[in-house]
Amino acid sequence: MITNASSLTLGALRQTFGLRLDSSDRFFDEWLNNAPTLTEAELQGLDRLTRNSCGATKRARMQIK
């Protein structure tokens, strides 16, 4: 079991807790109720975050194999 937050990796989370990517637009859709409209800058930031996290997930997957 992972006990030290400084030792957490995506690979360890995937292996220990079965963490997996869900790219569905409906994932946590209750958060979208009454949500404010995002600015173009916010949308670009989210796109960048998504690309970075998907890349990290792929790297973690490669490390596990």
Protein backbone atom coordinates (compact mmCIF):
# COMPACT_ATOMS: atom_id res chain seq x y z
CA MET A 1 0.00 0.00 0.00
CA ILE A 2 1.23 3.51 -0.81
CA THR A 3 1.66 5.58 2.33
CA ASN A 4 4.01 8.42 1.35
CA ALA A 5 2.56 11.09 -0.93
CA SER A 6 6.02 12.04 -2.24
CA SER A 7 6.38 8.53 -3.71
CA LEU A 8 3.10 8.62 -5.68
CA THR A 9 3.30 8.02 -9.42
CA LEU A 10 0.59 7.51 -12.02
CA GLY A 11 1.94 4.03 -12.60
CA ALA A 12 1.64 3.15 -8.92
CA LEU A 13 -1.91 4.54 -8.76
CA ARG A 14 -2.90 2.55 -11.85
CA GLN A 15 -1.45 -0.62 -10.42
CA THR A 16 -2.69 -0.20 -6.84
CA PHE A 17 -6.13 1.31 -7.42
CA GLY A 18 -6.92 0.38 -11.02
CA LEU A 19 -6.82 4.04 -12.06
CA ARG A 20 -7.64 4.47 -15.75
CA LEU A 21 -8.20 7.23 -18.26
CA ASP A 22 -11.79 8.18 -19.04
CA SER A 23 -12.03 10.67 -21.89
CA SER A 24 -15.82 10.78 -21.89
CA ASP A 25 -17.36 14.24 -21.99
CA ARG A 26 -19.95 13.00 -19.49
CA PHE A 27 -17.42 12.08 -16.79
CA PHE A 28 -18.56 13.97 -13.66
CA ASP A 29 -21.20 15.76 -15.70
CA GLU A 30 -22.91 16.95 -12.50
CA TRP A 31 -20.07 19.49 -12.25
CA LEU A 32 -21.34 21.07 -15.46
CA ASN A 33 -24.72 22.06 -14.03
CA ASN A 34 -24.87 25.84 -13.74
CA ALA A 35 -21.18 26.10 -14.65
CA PRO A 36 -19.95 29.44 -15.97
CA THR A 37 -18.90 29.71 -19.61
CA LEU A 38 -15.13 29.36 -19.95
CA THR A 39 -13.02 31.98 -21.67
CA GLU A 40 -10.84 31.11 -24.66
CA ALA A 41 -7.75 31.28 -22.43
CA GLU A 42 -9.33 28.88 -19.92
CA LEU A 43 -10.27 26.46 -22.72
CA GLN A 44 -6.71 26.57 -24.06
CA GLY A 45 -5.37 25.90 -20.57
CA LEU A 46 -7.66 22.90 -20.18
CA ASP A 47 -6.56 21.57 -23.57
CA ARG A 48 -2.92 21.89 -22.52
CA LEU A 49 -3.64 20.17 -19.19
CA THR A 50 -5.42 17.33 -21.00
CA ARG A 51 -2.51 16.85 -23.42
CA ASN A 52 0.01 16.87 -20.57
CA SER A 53 -1.94 14.42 -18.41
CA CYS A 54 -2.56 12.07 -21.34
CA GLY A 55 1.17 12.12 -22.07
CA ALA A 56 1.94 11.35 -18.42
CA THR A 57 -0.55 8.48 -18.47
CA LYS A 58 1.09 7.01 -21.57
CA ARG A 59 4.56 7.33 -19.99
CA ALA A 60 3.33 5.63 -16.81
CA ARG A 61 1.79 2.84 -18.88
CA MET A 62 5.11 2.30 -20.64
CA GLN A 63 6.95 2.13 -17.28
CA ILE A 64 4.62 -0.59 -15.94
CA LYS A 65 5.08 -2.90 -18.91
